[in-house]
Amino acid sequence: FEYVERMAQMATTGQHPPYASRIARQALLGAPAETLLPLARSWRSSRVWARRNTALEILARHATEEDLGWLEGLIRRTSASRADQRFVLTEAAEIARDRFPGHHFPLLGRRFDAFTYSFGRRFLAEALAATEPSFSRTRAFTSLWDCQAAVRLVGVGHVALDVEGAAERLGEMGADPLERSDVRVAAEQRLAARLSQPV
C-alpha cells in the first residue's frame, strides 16, 4: 500500500513533471483492485480534481456492489446541463456501463435527455444500452437522429427493429452518402442480418 500511496501522490499533486505524473498514474491504475478501492472511495468526493478523476477511473475498472448506492446518488446529484459537471456524469455513465450492466438507473435516461454536451452523449447512450430495459424501444430509436455519429451508432446497434419506423430509418442511414461510414455500414449490416433470419 505504501507503493500505491507514493504513486498516487506523484500522479495527483501536480508537484512532479507531467511525464512522471503520467507514468505514476499508469502504475497506480495497474495496482490490484483490493488495494485501489479504498483509495478510490476516499478520493471520489475530493475537491482536488486530479484525485476525484483518478478515483472515478479506478471505479470504472473495479467498482463493486458496495459502490452502487454511491453511484446512484452521484447520478441523482449531478446536473446534465452544468458545464462543470459534464465530466463527472460521463464518468458515472462509464462506471454504470462497465460495472453494473443490467442494473436499472432510473435517472440516467433523464440525464441523457437533458445532457447539453453533445460529444459526451455517447457515454450516456452506451450506459443506457447496458442498463435500461426499455432503451431498445425508446431512446435507441430517437438516437438514430442524434447530431453525434457515435450516438447514432449506439442506436443502430440496439434499436428494436419492430419499432415503427426503425427499419426504414436504418435503410435511410445505410443509403445516405453523407452518413459517417461506420454508421452507414452498421445500419446496412443490421438490416441485412434481419433479412437473413428465418421467418
Protein backbone atom coordinates (compact mmCIF):
# COMPACT_ATOMS: atom_id res chain seq x y z
CA PHE A 1 0.00 0.00 0.00
CA GLU A 2 2.96 2.32 0.64
CA TYR A 3 3.97 1.95 -3.02
CA VAL A 4 0.43 2.82 -4.14
CA GLU A 5 0.40 5.89 -1.91
CA ARG A 6 3.67 7.08 -3.45
CA MET A 7 2.31 6.57 -6.96
CA ALA A 8 -0.92 8.31 -6.01
CA GLN A 9 0.96 11.31 -4.68
CA MET A 10 3.08 11.57 -7.83
CA ALA A 11 0.02 11.21 -10.06
CA THR A 12 -2.22 13.79 -8.40
CA THR A 13 -0.30 16.51 -6.55
CA GLY A 14 0.99 18.42 -9.58
CA GLN A 15 4.41 18.64 -7.91
CA HIS A 16 6.17 16.43 -10.46
CA PRO A 17 6.91 16.83 -14.18
CA PRO A 18 3.98 15.79 -16.42
CA TYR A 19 5.81 12.72 -17.76
CA ALA A 20 6.47 11.49 -14.21
CA SER A 21 2.83 12.05 -13.23
CA ARG A 22 1.70 10.12 -16.32
CA ILE A 23 3.96 7.17 -15.54
CA ALA A 24 2.87 7.19 -11.89
CA ARG A 25 -0.79 7.27 -12.94
CA GLN A 26 -0.31 4.23 -15.21
CA ALA A 27 1.49 2.38 -12.42
CA LEU A 28 -1.23 3.31 -9.95
CA LEU A 29 -4.05 2.10 -12.19
CA GLY A 30 -2.25 -1.21 -12.61
CA ALA A 31 -2.35 -1.98 -8.89
CA PRO A 32 -4.73 -4.70 -7.57
CA ALA A 33 -8.37 -3.78 -7.04
CA GLU A 34 -8.28 -4.61 -3.33
CA THR A 35 -5.54 -2.01 -2.90
CA LEU A 36 -7.08 0.65 -5.14
CA LEU A 37 -10.70 0.57 -4.00
CA PRO A 38 -10.13 2.03 -0.51
CA LEU A 39 -8.15 4.85 -2.13
CA ALA A 40 -10.85 5.49 -4.74
CA ARG A 41 -13.60 5.53 -2.13
CA SER A 42 -11.72 8.09 -0.06
CA TRP A 43 -10.97 10.29 -3.12
CA ARG A 44 -14.21 10.10 -5.12
CA SER A 45 -15.65 13.19 -3.39
CA SER A 46 -12.35 15.07 -3.21
CA ARG A 47 -12.29 18.74 -4.15
CA VAL A 48 -8.95 18.12 -5.83
CA TRP A 49 -9.86 17.41 -9.46
CA ALA A 50 -6.90 15.08 -10.13
CA ARG A 51 -7.80 12.89 -7.14
CA ARG A 52 -11.51 12.76 -7.99
CA ASN A 53 -10.70 11.97 -11.62
CA THR A 54 -8.34 9.18 -10.60
CA ALA A 55 -10.94 7.76 -8.20
CA LEU A 56 -13.62 7.69 -10.92
CA GLU A 57 -11.24 5.98 -13.32
CA ILE A 58 -10.41 3.34 -10.70
CA LEU A 59 -14.12 2.77 -10.02
CA ALA A 60 -14.81 2.37 -13.75
CA ARG A 61 -12.44 -0.60 -13.59
CA HIS A 62 -13.17 -2.04 -10.17
CA ALA A 63 -16.42 -0.79 -8.59
CA THR A 64 -18.40 -3.42 -6.68
CA GLU A 65 -21.91 -3.72 -5.27
CA GLU A 66 -20.63 -1.73 -2.30
CA ASP A 67 -20.34 1.30 -4.61
CA LEU A 68 -23.81 1.03 -6.14
CA GLY A 69 -25.57 3.34 -3.67
CA TRP A 70 -22.86 5.94 -4.10
CA LEU A 71 -23.15 5.77 -7.91
CA GLU A 72 -26.94 6.15 -7.82
CA GLY A 73 -26.51 9.17 -5.56
CA LEU A 74 -23.89 10.65 -7.87
CA ILE A 75 -26.20 10.37 -10.88
CA ARG A 76 -29.02 11.91 -8.84
CA ARG A 77 -26.89 14.86 -7.68
CA THR A 78 -25.08 15.62 -10.93
CA SER A 79 -26.54 18.14 -13.36
CA ALA A 80 -26.77 17.28 -17.04
CA SER A 81 -26.64 20.92 -18.09
CA ARG A 82 -23.85 22.39 -15.96
CA ALA A 83 -20.53 22.53 -17.79
CA ASP A 84 -18.53 21.86 -14.63
CA GLN A 85 -20.38 18.57 -14.06
CA ARG A 86 -20.30 17.06 -17.56
CA PHE A 87 -17.15 15.06 -16.96
CA VAL A 88 -18.47 13.64 -13.70
CA LEU A 89 -21.66 12.48 -15.40
CA THR A 90 -19.84 10.82 -18.31
CA GLU A 91 -17.57 9.04 -15.82
CA ALA A 92 -20.61 7.92 -13.82
CA ALA A 93 -22.11 6.58 -17.04
CA GLU A 94 -18.93 4.63 -17.78
CA ILE A 95 -19.00 3.09 -14.30
CA ALA A 96 -22.65 2.11 -14.77
CA ARG A 97 -21.93 0.63 -18.20
CA ASP A 98 -18.80 -1.30 -17.25
CA ARG A 99 -19.54 -2.39 -13.69
CA PHE A 100 -23.31 -2.65 -13.38
CA PRO A 101 -24.79 -3.90 -16.66
CA GLY A 102 -28.38 -4.98 -16.17
CA HIS A 103 -28.92 -2.72 -13.15
CA HIS A 104 -31.56 -0.09 -13.84
CA PHE A 105 -30.60 3.53 -13.01
CA PRO A 106 -33.93 5.39 -13.19
CA LEU A 107 -32.44 8.88 -13.55
CA LEU A 108 -29.86 8.04 -16.21
CA GLY A 109 -32.36 8.39 -19.06
CA ARG A 110 -33.42 11.82 -17.86
CA ARG A 111 -29.79 12.88 -17.64
CA PHE A 112 -29.27 11.69 -21.22
CA ASP A 113 -32.29 13.68 -22.42
CA ALA A 114 -31.01 16.87 -20.79
CA PHE A 115 -27.29 16.42 -21.49
CA THR A 116 -26.07 19.57 -23.26
CA TYR A 117 -22.55 18.43 -24.18
CA SER A 118 -23.08 16.57 -27.44
CA PHE A 119 -19.69 14.83 -27.51
CA GLY A 120 -20.38 13.24 -24.13
CA ARG A 121 -23.80 11.84 -25.05
CA ARG A 122 -22.21 8.63 -26.36
CA PHE A 123 -21.18 7.58 -22.85
CA LEU A 124 -24.70 8.01 -21.53
CA ALA A 125 -26.18 6.20 -24.53
CA GLU A 126 -23.81 3.25 -24.00
CA ALA A 127 -24.68 3.15 -20.30
CA LEU A 128 -28.40 3.16 -21.10
CA ALA A 129 -27.91 0.37 -23.63
CA ALA A 130 -26.31 -1.71 -20.86
CA THR A 131 -28.70 -0.83 -18.03
CA GLU A 132 -32.07 0.45 -19.29
CA PRO A 133 -34.54 -2.35 -20.16
CA SER A 134 -36.64 -0.11 -22.43
CA PHE A 135 -33.70 1.50 -24.27
CA SER A 136 -34.09 -0.57 -27.44
CA ARG A 137 -37.67 0.61 -27.87
CA THR A 138 -37.28 4.23 -26.79
CA ARG A 139 -34.05 6.22 -26.74
CA ALA A 140 -32.22 3.85 -29.08
CA PHE A 141 -34.80 4.77 -31.71
CA THR A 142 -34.58 8.52 -31.15
CA SER A 143 -30.77 8.20 -31.10
CA LEU A 144 -30.90 7.33 -34.79
CA TRP A 145 -31.35 11.07 -35.42
CA ASP A 146 -28.78 12.30 -32.89
CA CYS A 147 -26.36 15.00 -34.02
CA GLN A 148 -23.42 12.84 -32.92
CA ALA A 149 -22.48 9.89 -35.12
CA ALA A 150 -21.22 7.94 -32.10
CA VAL A 151 -24.68 8.16 -30.52
CA ARG A 152 -26.35 7.16 -33.79
CA LEU A 153 -24.04 4.14 -33.86
CA VAL A 154 -25.24 3.07 -30.41
CA GLY A 155 -28.82 3.45 -31.62
CA VAL A 156 -28.16 1.36 -34.72
CA GLY A 157 -26.71 -1.43 -32.61
CA HIS A 158 -29.54 -1.58 -30.09
CA VAL A 159 -32.80 -0.37 -31.60
CA ALA A 160 -35.57 -2.96 -31.78
CA LEU A 161 -36.36 -3.40 -35.46
CA ASP A 162 -40.05 -3.95 -34.81
CA VAL A 163 -40.37 -0.39 -33.52
CA GLU A 164 -42.39 1.53 -36.09
CA GLY A 165 -40.03 3.41 -38.40
CA ALA A 166 -36.81 1.81 -37.13
CA ALA A 167 -36.08 -0.39 -40.15
CA GLU A 168 -36.95 2.46 -42.51
CA ARG A 169 -34.58 4.79 -40.68
CA LEU A 170 -31.77 2.22 -40.83
CA GLY A 171 -32.41 1.94 -44.56
CA GLU A 172 -32.07 5.70 -44.92
CA MET A 173 -28.85 5.73 -42.92
CA GLY A 174 -27.37 2.86 -44.89
CA ALA A 175 -28.10 4.63 -48.18
CA ASP A 176 -27.00 8.11 -47.09
CA PRO A 177 -23.63 9.04 -48.65
CA LEU A 178 -23.26 11.83 -46.10
CA GLU A 179 -23.60 9.49 -43.12
CA ARG A 180 -20.36 8.57 -41.37
CA SER A 181 -19.02 5.40 -42.92
CA ASP A 182 -19.03 3.21 -39.78
CA VAL A 183 -22.62 4.20 -39.01
CA ARG A 184 -23.68 3.56 -42.60
CA VAL A 185 -22.06 0.11 -42.65
CA ALA A 186 -23.54 -0.80 -39.25
CA ALA A 187 -27.03 0.17 -40.46
CA GLU A 188 -26.63 -1.91 -43.62
CA GLN A 189 -25.36 -4.91 -41.63
CA ARG A 190 -28.18 -4.67 -39.10
CA LEU A 191 -30.78 -4.73 -41.84
CA ALA A 192 -29.00 -7.50 -43.73
CA ALA A 193 -28.91 -9.64 -40.58
CA ARG A 194 -32.63 -9.13 -40.12
CA LEU A 195 -33.40 -10.18 -43.69
CA SER A 196 -31.28 -13.31 -43.33
CA GLN A 197 -33.19 -14.53 -40.28
CA PRO A 198 -35.83 -17.22 -40.90
CA VAL A 199 -39.40 -16.02 -40.53
